[in-house]
Amino acid sequence: VITKASKDYAEYAMGMGSSLFCLVPKGIGTWTHRLFEAMLAGCIPVILSDDVRLPFPDLPWEKFSIKWPMRRVDRTLVRYLSRLGGPVAPAMQASVDEHACWFDYHSEHAACSPLFGITRQLSAPRSAREASLPSFWAPWRSEEVWALLGCDECMEGAPPRNSSDLPSSAEKK
């Protein structure tokens, strides 16, 4: 049975699957299913929630996602993403593909699945479970971007990141 809802979802999934970046807005609570959808669609998640609690804090989030301040979503974000499409985005997208198994409940990799990650996180000491990531990150020219936005808190607690921080295709696995 094909319904309007299933057609709409198919179009939504195709749109995500053909996108380089997928916006991940704030969810109802402190997380959002949009992150899982973006990772499984193979697009680079652009996390737009200041208060999101990301799963699996030991993953190298800065290599496959962008966390942008919600109150700073404007044309600067659009310009930044359009400029990121050069050499940086393909490395990030390869890293999305490499880490997508952490978001796939049907993953065939026993040591890379949401169940494994949740179990590992719950068995870790509390301090490790509460490991904090930087408030915001952008993989390319982040200091310039944050300065342009006048976002001092964006720079707190995070070392500058640039394209040399991202893995090359040769470094994968």
N, C-alpha and C. Protein backbone atom coordinates (compact mmCIF):
# COMPACT_ATOMS: atom_id res chain seq x y z
N VAL A 1 0.84 -1.17 0.00
CA VAL A 1 0.00 0.00 0.00
C VAL A 1 0.89 1.24 0.00
N ILE A 2 0.70 2.08 -0.97
CA ILE A 2 1.46 3.33 -1.05
C ILE A 2 0.53 4.46 -0.62
N THR A 3 0.92 5.12 0.43
CA THR A 3 0.12 6.24 0.93
C THR A 3 0.85 7.54 0.66
N LYS A 4 0.15 8.65 0.86
CA LYS A 4 0.79 9.95 0.70
C LYS A 4 1.94 10.09 1.69
N ALA A 5 1.74 9.60 2.91
CA ALA A 5 2.79 9.69 3.93
C ALA A 5 4.04 8.92 3.50
N SER A 6 3.87 7.72 2.93
CA SER A 6 5.03 6.94 2.52
C SER A 6 5.73 7.59 1.32
N LYS A 7 4.96 8.23 0.43
CA LYS A 7 5.56 8.95 -0.70
C LYS A 7 6.35 10.16 -0.19
N ASP A 8 5.76 10.88 0.78
CA ASP A 8 6.44 12.04 1.36
C ASP A 8 7.74 11.61 2.04
N TYR A 9 7.71 10.50 2.78
CA TYR A 9 8.91 10.03 3.46
C TYR A 9 9.96 9.60 2.44
N ALA A 10 9.54 8.96 1.36
CA ALA A 10 10.48 8.53 0.33
C ALA A 10 11.17 9.76 -0.28
N GLU A 11 10.41 10.80 -0.54
CA GLU A 11 11.00 12.04 -1.07
C GLU A 11 11.97 12.67 -0.06
N TYR A 12 11.56 12.67 1.21
CA TYR A 12 12.41 13.19 2.28
C TYR A 12 13.73 12.41 2.35
N ALA A 13 13.64 11.09 2.33
CA ALA A 13 14.84 10.24 2.40
C ALA A 13 15.73 10.45 1.18
N MET A 14 15.13 10.57 0.00
CA MET A 14 15.92 10.81 -1.22
C MET A 14 16.61 12.16 -1.15
N GLY A 15 15.91 13.16 -0.65
CA GLY A 15 16.51 14.49 -0.50
C GLY A 15 17.70 14.48 0.43
N MET A 16 17.56 13.79 1.55
CA MET A 16 18.68 13.70 2.49
C MET A 16 19.83 12.92 1.87
N GLY A 17 19.50 11.82 1.23
CA GLY A 17 20.54 10.97 0.64
C GLY A 17 21.32 11.64 -0.47
N SER A 18 20.74 12.64 -1.10
CA SER A 18 21.44 13.33 -2.18
C SER A 18 22.06 14.66 -1.71
N SER A 19 21.99 14.93 -0.41
CA SER A 19 22.53 16.18 0.13
C SER A 19 23.92 15.99 0.70
N LEU A 20 24.73 17.01 0.59
CA LEU A 20 26.06 16.98 1.20
C LEU A 20 25.95 17.28 2.69
N PHE A 21 25.12 18.25 3.07
CA PHE A 21 24.91 18.62 4.46
C PHE A 21 23.45 18.42 4.81
N CYS A 22 23.18 17.99 6.04
CA CYS A 22 21.82 17.87 6.54
C CYS A 22 21.72 18.65 7.85
N LEU A 23 20.76 19.54 7.91
CA LEU A 23 20.55 20.30 9.13
C LEU A 23 19.92 19.40 10.18
N VAL A 24 20.44 19.50 11.40
CA VAL A 24 19.94 18.71 12.52
C VAL A 24 19.46 19.69 13.59
N PRO A 25 18.18 20.11 13.49
CA PRO A 25 17.67 21.07 14.47
C PRO A 25 17.41 20.43 15.82
N LYS A 26 17.14 21.27 16.78
CA LYS A 26 16.83 20.83 18.14
C LYS A 26 15.62 19.90 18.13
N GLY A 27 15.68 18.89 18.96
CA GLY A 27 14.55 17.98 19.12
C GLY A 27 13.68 18.41 20.29
N ILE A 28 12.81 17.54 20.70
CA ILE A 28 11.92 17.84 21.81
C ILE A 28 12.68 17.90 23.12
N GLY A 29 13.61 17.01 23.32
CA GLY A 29 14.39 16.96 24.56
C GLY A 29 15.82 17.40 24.31
N THR A 30 16.75 16.63 24.87
CA THR A 30 18.17 16.98 24.71
C THR A 30 18.83 16.19 23.60
N TRP A 31 18.06 15.51 22.77
CA TRP A 31 18.63 14.82 21.62
C TRP A 31 17.60 14.88 20.49
N THR A 32 17.99 14.43 19.32
CA THR A 32 17.09 14.46 18.17
C THR A 32 17.35 13.27 17.25
N HIS A 33 16.29 12.68 16.74
CA HIS A 33 16.43 11.55 15.80
C HIS A 33 16.99 12.02 14.46
N ARG A 34 16.96 13.31 14.19
CA ARG A 34 17.48 13.83 12.92
C ARG A 34 18.96 13.52 12.75
N LEU A 35 19.68 13.42 13.86
CA LEU A 35 21.10 13.08 13.80
C LEU A 35 21.28 11.67 13.23
N PHE A 36 20.48 10.72 13.72
CA PHE A 36 20.55 9.35 13.21
C PHE A 36 20.18 9.33 11.73
N GLU A 37 19.14 10.07 11.36
CA GLU A 37 18.72 10.11 9.96
C GLU A 37 19.83 10.67 9.07
N ALA A 38 20.47 11.75 9.51
CA ALA A 38 21.55 12.34 8.71
C ALA A 38 22.70 11.37 8.53
N MET A 39 23.11 10.73 9.62
CA MET A 39 24.24 9.79 9.54
C MET A 39 23.91 8.62 8.61
N LEU A 40 22.71 8.09 8.71
CA LEU A 40 22.35 6.95 7.87
C LEU A 40 22.12 7.35 6.42
N ALA A 41 21.78 8.62 6.18
CA ALA A 41 21.61 9.12 4.81
C ALA A 41 22.96 9.41 4.17
N GLY A 42 24.01 9.49 4.98
CA GLY A 42 25.35 9.73 4.43
C GLY A 42 25.68 11.19 4.23
N CYS A 43 24.90 12.09 4.81
CA CYS A 43 25.23 13.52 4.67
C CYS A 43 25.87 14.02 5.97
N ILE A 44 26.60 15.10 5.87
CA ILE A 44 27.32 15.66 7.01
C ILE A 44 26.31 16.37 7.91
N PRO A 45 26.19 15.92 9.17
CA PRO A 45 25.23 16.57 10.07
C PRO A 45 25.70 17.97 10.48
N VAL A 46 24.82 18.94 10.37
CA VAL A 46 25.06 20.29 10.86
C VAL A 46 24.13 20.45 12.06
N ILE A 47 24.68 20.27 13.24
CA ILE A 47 23.90 20.25 14.48
C ILE A 47 23.60 21.67 14.91
N LEU A 48 22.33 21.99 15.03
CA LEU A 48 21.90 23.35 15.34
C LEU A 48 21.25 23.45 16.72
N SER A 49 21.61 22.59 17.61
CA SER A 49 21.07 22.63 18.97
C SER A 49 22.20 22.90 19.95
N ASP A 50 22.10 23.99 20.69
CA ASP A 50 23.14 24.33 21.65
C ASP A 50 23.18 23.35 22.81
N ASP A 51 22.04 22.74 23.14
CA ASP A 51 21.95 21.90 24.33
C ASP A 51 21.89 20.41 24.04
N VAL A 52 22.13 20.01 22.82
CA VAL A 52 22.03 18.60 22.46
C VAL A 52 23.04 17.78 23.26
N ARG A 53 22.62 16.59 23.65
CA ARG A 53 23.51 15.64 24.30
C ARG A 53 23.80 14.56 23.28
N LEU A 54 25.00 14.59 22.75
CA LEU A 54 25.35 13.66 21.68
C LEU A 54 25.63 12.27 22.23
N PRO A 55 25.19 11.26 21.50
CA PRO A 55 25.51 9.90 21.92
C PRO A 55 26.98 9.60 21.63
N PHE A 56 27.53 8.66 22.33
CA PHE A 56 28.88 8.18 22.05
C PHE A 56 29.91 9.32 22.06
N PRO A 57 30.14 9.95 23.23
CA PRO A 57 31.02 11.11 23.29
C PRO A 57 32.47 10.83 22.91
N ASP A 58 32.85 9.56 22.83
CA ASP A 58 34.23 9.25 22.45
C ASP A 58 34.44 9.21 20.93
N LEU A 59 33.37 9.39 20.16
CA LEU A 59 33.54 9.46 18.70
C LEU A 59 34.19 10.79 18.33
N PRO A 60 34.92 10.83 17.23
CA PRO A 60 35.56 12.09 16.79
C PRO A 60 34.56 12.99 16.05
N TRP A 61 33.61 13.54 16.78
CA TRP A 61 32.51 14.32 16.20
C TRP A 61 32.99 15.42 15.27
N GLU A 62 34.11 16.06 15.59
CA GLU A 62 34.60 17.16 14.78
C GLU A 62 35.04 16.73 13.39
N LYS A 63 35.26 15.44 13.19
CA LYS A 63 35.70 14.94 11.89
C LYS A 63 34.53 14.66 10.93
N PHE A 64 33.32 14.50 11.47
CA PHE A 64 32.21 14.17 10.59
C PHE A 64 30.96 15.00 10.81
N SER A 65 31.04 16.04 11.61
CA SER A 65 29.87 16.89 11.83
C SER A 65 30.30 18.32 12.11
N ILE A 66 29.33 19.20 12.10
CA ILE A 66 29.54 20.61 12.43
C ILE A 66 28.52 20.93 13.51
N LYS A 67 28.92 21.62 14.55
CA LYS A 67 27.97 22.06 15.58
C LYS A 67 27.99 23.58 15.57
N TRP A 68 26.91 24.14 15.12
CA TRP A 68 26.79 25.58 14.89
C TRP A 68 25.85 26.18 15.93
N PRO A 69 26.17 27.36 16.47
CA PRO A 69 25.28 27.98 17.46
C PRO A 69 23.91 28.30 16.87
N MET A 70 22.85 27.87 17.55
CA MET A 70 21.48 28.06 17.05
C MET A 70 21.16 29.53 16.82
N ARG A 71 21.57 30.38 17.73
CA ARG A 71 21.23 31.80 17.61
C ARG A 71 22.05 32.50 16.54
N ARG A 72 22.98 31.78 15.91
CA ARG A 72 23.82 32.35 14.86
C ARG A 72 23.52 31.74 13.49
N VAL A 73 22.37 31.13 13.35
CA VAL A 73 21.99 30.56 12.06
C VAL A 73 21.47 31.70 11.19
N ASP A 74 22.28 32.02 10.18
CA ASP A 74 21.93 33.08 9.24
C ASP A 74 22.70 32.85 7.95
N ARG A 75 22.87 33.86 7.15
CA ARG A 75 23.56 33.69 5.86
C ARG A 75 25.02 33.26 6.03
N THR A 76 25.61 33.57 7.18
CA THR A 76 27.00 33.17 7.42
C THR A 76 27.12 31.65 7.37
N LEU A 77 26.16 30.94 7.94
CA LEU A 77 26.17 29.48 7.90
C LEU A 77 26.09 29.00 6.46
N VAL A 78 25.20 29.58 5.69
CA VAL A 78 25.05 29.18 4.29
C VAL A 78 26.35 29.42 3.52
N ARG A 79 26.96 30.59 3.71
CA ARG A 79 28.24 30.88 3.04
C ARG A 79 29.33 29.91 3.49
N TYR A 80 29.37 29.64 4.77
CA TYR A 80 30.38 28.72 5.31
C TYR A 80 30.23 27.34 4.67
N LEU A 81 29.02 26.83 4.65
CA LEU A 81 28.79 25.49 4.09
C LEU A 81 29.11 25.45 2.60
N SER A 82 28.79 26.52 1.87
CA SER A 82 29.08 26.51 0.43
C SER A 82 30.59 26.53 0.18
N ARG A 83 31.35 27.17 1.04
CA ARG A 83 32.81 27.19 0.88
C ARG A 83 33.46 25.91 1.35
N LEU A 84 32.78 25.17 2.19
CA LEU A 84 33.34 23.94 2.75
C LEU A 84 33.32 22.80 1.74
N GLY A 85 32.60 22.98 0.66
CA GLY A 85 32.43 21.92 -0.32
C GLY A 85 33.69 21.46 -1.01
N GLY A 86 34.79 22.21 -0.93
CA GLY A 86 36.03 21.84 -1.61
C GLY A 86 36.66 20.58 -1.06
N PRO A 87 37.90 20.65 -0.60
CA PRO A 87 38.62 19.46 -0.17
C PRO A 87 38.18 18.93 1.20
N VAL A 88 37.55 19.76 2.01
CA VAL A 88 37.21 19.35 3.37
C VAL A 88 35.98 18.45 3.40
N ALA A 89 34.93 18.82 2.67
CA ALA A 89 33.67 18.08 2.72
C ALA A 89 33.81 16.60 2.32
N PRO A 90 34.56 16.25 1.27
CA PRO A 90 34.68 14.82 0.95
C PRO A 90 35.32 14.00 2.08
N ALA A 91 36.30 14.58 2.77
CA ALA A 91 36.91 13.86 3.90
C ALA A 91 35.90 13.71 5.04
N MET A 92 35.10 14.75 5.26
CA MET A 92 34.08 14.65 6.30
C MET A 92 33.03 13.62 5.94
N GLN A 93 32.62 13.60 4.67
CA GLN A 93 31.60 12.64 4.24
C GLN A 93 32.13 11.21 4.33
N ALA A 94 33.41 11.01 4.03
CA ALA A 94 34.01 9.69 4.20
C ALA A 94 34.00 9.28 5.67
N SER A 95 34.22 10.24 6.55
CA SER A 95 34.17 9.97 7.98
C SER A 95 32.74 9.68 8.45
N VAL A 96 31.75 10.33 7.84
CA VAL A 96 30.34 10.01 8.13
C VAL A 96 30.10 8.54 7.79
N ASP A 97 30.52 8.12 6.62
CA ASP A 97 30.33 6.73 6.19
C ASP A 97 31.04 5.76 7.14
N GLU A 98 32.23 6.15 7.58
CA GLU A 98 33.01 5.30 8.48
C GLU A 98 32.33 5.14 9.84
N HIS A 99 31.63 6.17 10.30
CA HIS A 99 31.03 6.14 11.64
C HIS A 99 29.52 5.88 11.63
N ALA A 100 28.93 5.70 10.47
CA ALA A 100 27.47 5.50 10.39
C ALA A 100 27.01 4.24 11.11
N CYS A 101 27.87 3.25 11.22
CA CYS A 101 27.48 2.00 11.89
C CYS A 101 27.07 2.24 13.35
N TRP A 102 27.58 3.31 13.98
CA TRP A 102 27.21 3.63 15.37
C TRP A 102 25.75 4.05 15.48
N PHE A 103 25.12 4.38 14.36
CA PHE A 103 23.74 4.88 14.34
C PHE A 103 22.78 3.91 13.67
N ASP A 104 23.29 2.75 13.27
CA ASP A 104 22.51 1.77 12.52
C ASP A 104 22.18 0.57 13.41
N TYR A 105 20.91 0.47 13.81
CA TYR A 105 20.50 -0.63 14.68
C TYR A 105 20.57 -1.99 13.98
N HIS A 106 20.78 -1.99 12.69
CA HIS A 106 20.92 -3.23 11.93
C HIS A 106 22.37 -3.44 11.49
N SER A 107 23.30 -2.76 12.14
CA SER A 107 24.71 -2.86 11.77
C SER A 107 25.19 -4.30 11.89
N GLU A 108 25.98 -4.71 10.92
CA GLU A 108 26.55 -6.06 10.94
C GLU A 108 27.89 -6.09 11.66
N HIS A 109 28.36 -4.95 12.12
CA HIS A 109 29.63 -4.86 12.85
C HIS A 109 29.34 -4.94 14.34
N ALA A 110 29.69 -6.04 14.97
CA ALA A 110 29.37 -6.24 16.39
C ALA A 110 29.96 -5.15 17.27
N ALA A 111 31.14 -4.65 16.95
CA ALA A 111 31.80 -3.64 17.78
C ALA A 111 31.52 -2.21 17.30
N CYS A 112 30.52 -2.05 16.44
CA CYS A 112 30.17 -0.72 15.94
C CYS A 112 28.67 -0.69 15.68
N SER A 113 27.93 -0.48 16.75
CA SER A 113 26.48 -0.41 16.65
C SER A 113 25.96 0.42 17.81
N PRO A 114 24.75 0.94 17.71
CA PRO A 114 24.20 1.70 18.84
C PRO A 114 24.15 0.88 20.12
N LEU A 115 23.77 -0.39 20.01
CA LEU A 115 23.68 -1.23 21.20
C LEU A 115 25.06 -1.37 21.86
N PHE A 116 26.07 -1.63 21.07
CA PHE A 116 27.42 -1.76 21.61
C PHE A 116 27.86 -0.43 22.24
N GLY A 117 27.60 0.68 21.55
CA GLY A 117 28.00 1.99 22.06
C GLY A 117 27.31 2.35 23.36
N ILE A 118 26.01 2.07 23.44
CA ILE A 118 25.25 2.37 24.66
C ILE A 118 25.75 1.49 25.81
N THR A 119 25.95 0.20 25.54
CA THR A 119 26.43 -0.71 26.57
C THR A 119 27.81 -0.27 27.06
N ARG A 120 28.67 0.08 26.14
CA ARG A 120 30.02 0.54 26.52
C ARG A 120 29.95 1.83 27.32
N GLN A 121 29.10 2.73 26.92
CA GLN A 121 28.98 4.00 27.62
C GLN A 121 28.42 3.80 29.03
N LEU A 122 27.45 2.92 29.19
CA LEU A 122 26.87 2.66 30.51
C LEU A 122 27.83 1.94 31.44
N SER A 123 28.73 1.14 30.89
CA SER A 123 29.68 0.41 31.73
C SER A 123 30.91 1.26 32.08
N ALA A 124 31.04 2.41 31.45
CA ALA A 124 32.19 3.30 31.73
C ALA A 124 31.96 4.04 33.05
N PRO A 125 33.03 4.48 33.68
CA PRO A 125 32.87 5.29 34.89
C PRO A 125 32.05 6.54 34.58
N ARG A 126 31.36 7.04 35.59
CA ARG A 126 30.48 8.19 35.39
C ARG A 126 31.21 9.37 34.76
N SER A 127 32.44 9.62 35.17
CA SER A 127 33.19 10.76 34.62
C SER A 127 33.40 10.61 33.12
N ALA A 128 33.62 9.39 32.66
CA ALA A 128 33.78 9.16 31.22
C ALA A 128 32.45 9.33 30.49
N ARG A 129 31.34 8.93 31.14
CA ARG A 129 30.02 9.08 30.51
C ARG A 129 29.65 10.54 30.35
N GLU A 130 30.18 11.37 31.24
CA GLU A 130 29.84 12.79 31.20
C GLU A 130 30.92 13.61 30.49
N ALA A 131 31.77 12.93 29.73
CA ALA A 131 32.81 13.64 28.99
C ALA A 131 32.19 14.72 28.14
N SER A 132 32.80 15.87 28.18
CA SER A 132 32.19 16.97 27.42
C SER A 132 32.96 17.25 26.14
N LEU A 133 32.21 17.60 25.16
CA LEU A 133 32.76 18.02 23.88
C LEU A 133 32.77 19.53 23.88
N PRO A 134 33.50 20.14 22.96
CA PRO A 134 33.43 21.60 22.85
C PRO A 134 31.99 22.03 22.59
N SER A 135 31.67 23.25 22.96
CA SER A 135 30.31 23.74 22.75
C SER A 135 29.94 23.77 21.27
N PHE A 136 30.88 24.20 20.43
CA PHE A 136 30.64 24.32 18.99
C PHE A 136 31.91 23.92 18.27
N TRP A 137 31.77 23.46 17.02
CA TRP A 137 32.93 23.16 16.21
C TRP A 137 32.61 23.31 14.74
N ALA A 138 33.63 23.67 14.01
CA ALA A 138 33.56 23.77 12.56
C ALA A 138 34.95 23.35 12.07
N PRO A 139 35.03 22.52 11.06
CA PRO A 139 36.30 21.92 10.69
C PRO A 139 37.26 22.81 9.91
N TRP A 140 36.81 23.93 9.41
CA TRP A 140 37.66 24.70 8.51
C TRP A 140 37.59 26.17 8.87
N ARG A 141 38.74 26.76 9.17
CA ARG A 141 38.84 28.19 9.47
C ARG A 141 37.89 28.61 10.59
N SER A 142 37.76 27.76 11.61
CA SER A 142 36.78 28.02 12.66
C SER A 142 37.06 29.31 13.42
N GLU A 143 38.32 29.62 13.69
CA GLU A 143 38.61 30.85 14.42
C GLU A 143 38.09 32.07 13.67
N GLU A 144 38.30 32.09 12.35
CA GLU A 144 37.82 33.21 11.54
C GLU A 144 36.29 33.28 11.54
N VAL A 145 35.66 32.13 11.46
CA VAL A 145 34.19 32.09 11.43
C VAL A 145 33.63 32.60 12.75
N TRP A 146 34.16 32.08 13.86
CA TRP A 146 33.64 32.49 15.17
C TRP A 146 33.91 33.97 15.42
N ALA A 147 35.06 34.47 14.98
CA ALA A 147 35.35 35.89 15.14
C ALA A 147 34.38 36.73 14.30
N LEU A 148 34.12 36.30 13.07
CA LEU A 148 33.18 36.99 12.20
C LEU A 148 31.79 37.06 12.83
N LEU A 149 31.40 35.97 13.49
CA LEU A 149 30.10 35.92 14.12
C LEU A 149 30.08 36.66 15.46
N GLY A 150 31.27 37.05 15.95
CA GLY A 150 31.33 37.67 17.26
C GLY A 150 30.93 36.69 18.35
N CYS A 151 31.30 35.45 18.17
CA CYS A 151 30.87 34.37 19.06
C CYS A 151 32.03 33.92 19.94
N ASP A 152 32.33 34.69 20.99
CA ASP A 152 33.44 34.36 21.87
C ASP A 152 33.25 33.00 22.55
N GLU A 153 32.00 32.69 22.95
CA GLU A 153 31.77 31.41 23.62
C GLU A 153 31.99 30.23 22.69
N CYS A 154 31.94 30.46 21.39
CA CYS A 154 32.18 29.38 20.43
C CYS A 154 33.62 28.92 20.48
N MET A 155 34.51 29.81 20.84
CA MET A 155 35.94 29.49 20.85
C MET A 155 36.40 28.91 22.18
N GLU A 156 35.58 29.01 23.22
CA GLU A 156 35.97 28.53 24.54
C GLU A 156 36.04 27.02 24.57
N GLY A 157 37.13 26.51 25.12
CA GLY A 157 37.26 25.08 25.35
C GLY A 157 37.54 24.24 24.13
N ALA A 158 37.76 24.86 23.01
CA ALA A 158 38.03 24.08 21.80
C ALA A 158 39.27 24.61 21.11
N PRO A 159 40.19 23.71 20.78
CA PRO A 159 41.35 24.15 20.02
C PRO A 159 40.92 24.52 18.61
N PRO A 160 41.66 25.40 17.96
CA PRO A 160 41.30 25.74 16.57
C PRO A 160 41.33 24.48 15.71
N ARG A 161 40.40 24.37 14.82
CA ARG A 161 40.34 23.22 13.93
C ARG A 161 40.50 23.71 12.51
N ASN A 162 41.18 22.94 11.71
CA ASN A 162 41.32 23.30 10.31
C ASN A 162 41.29 22.04 9.48
N SER A 163 41.40 22.19 8.19
CA SER A 163 41.26 21.03 7.31
C SER A 163 42.35 19.99 7.54
N SER A 164 43.50 20.37 8.09
CA SER A 164 44.55 19.38 8.33
C SER A 164 44.16 18.45 9.47
N ASP A 165 43.14 18.79 10.28
CA ASP A 165 42.67 17.92 11.35
C ASP A 165 41.85 16.76 10.80
N LEU A 166 41.39 16.87 9.58
CA LEU A 166 40.50 15.86 9.03
C LEU A 166 41.30 14.76 8.35
N PRO A 167 40.80 13.53 8.42
CA PRO A 167 41.53 12.43 7.82
C PRO A 167 41.49 12.49 6.29
N SER A 168 42.57 12.09 5.70
CA SER A 168 42.57 11.99 4.25
C SER A 168 42.00 10.63 3.89
N SER A 169 41.66 10.44 2.65
CA SER A 169 41.14 9.15 2.23
C SER A 169 42.13 8.04 2.49
N ALA A 170 43.43 8.33 2.36
CA ALA A 170 44.47 7.33 2.57
C ALA A 170 44.56 6.93 4.05
N GLU A 171 44.19 7.86 4.96
CA GLU A 171 44.28 7.57 6.38
C GLU A 171 43.11 6.73 6.89
N LYS A 172 42.05 6.68 6.10
CA LYS A 172 40.88 5.91 6.53
C LYS A 172 41.27 4.46 6.72
N LYS A 173 40.92 3.94 7.88
CA LYS A 173 41.20 2.55 8.24
C LYS A 173 42.61 2.27 8.07
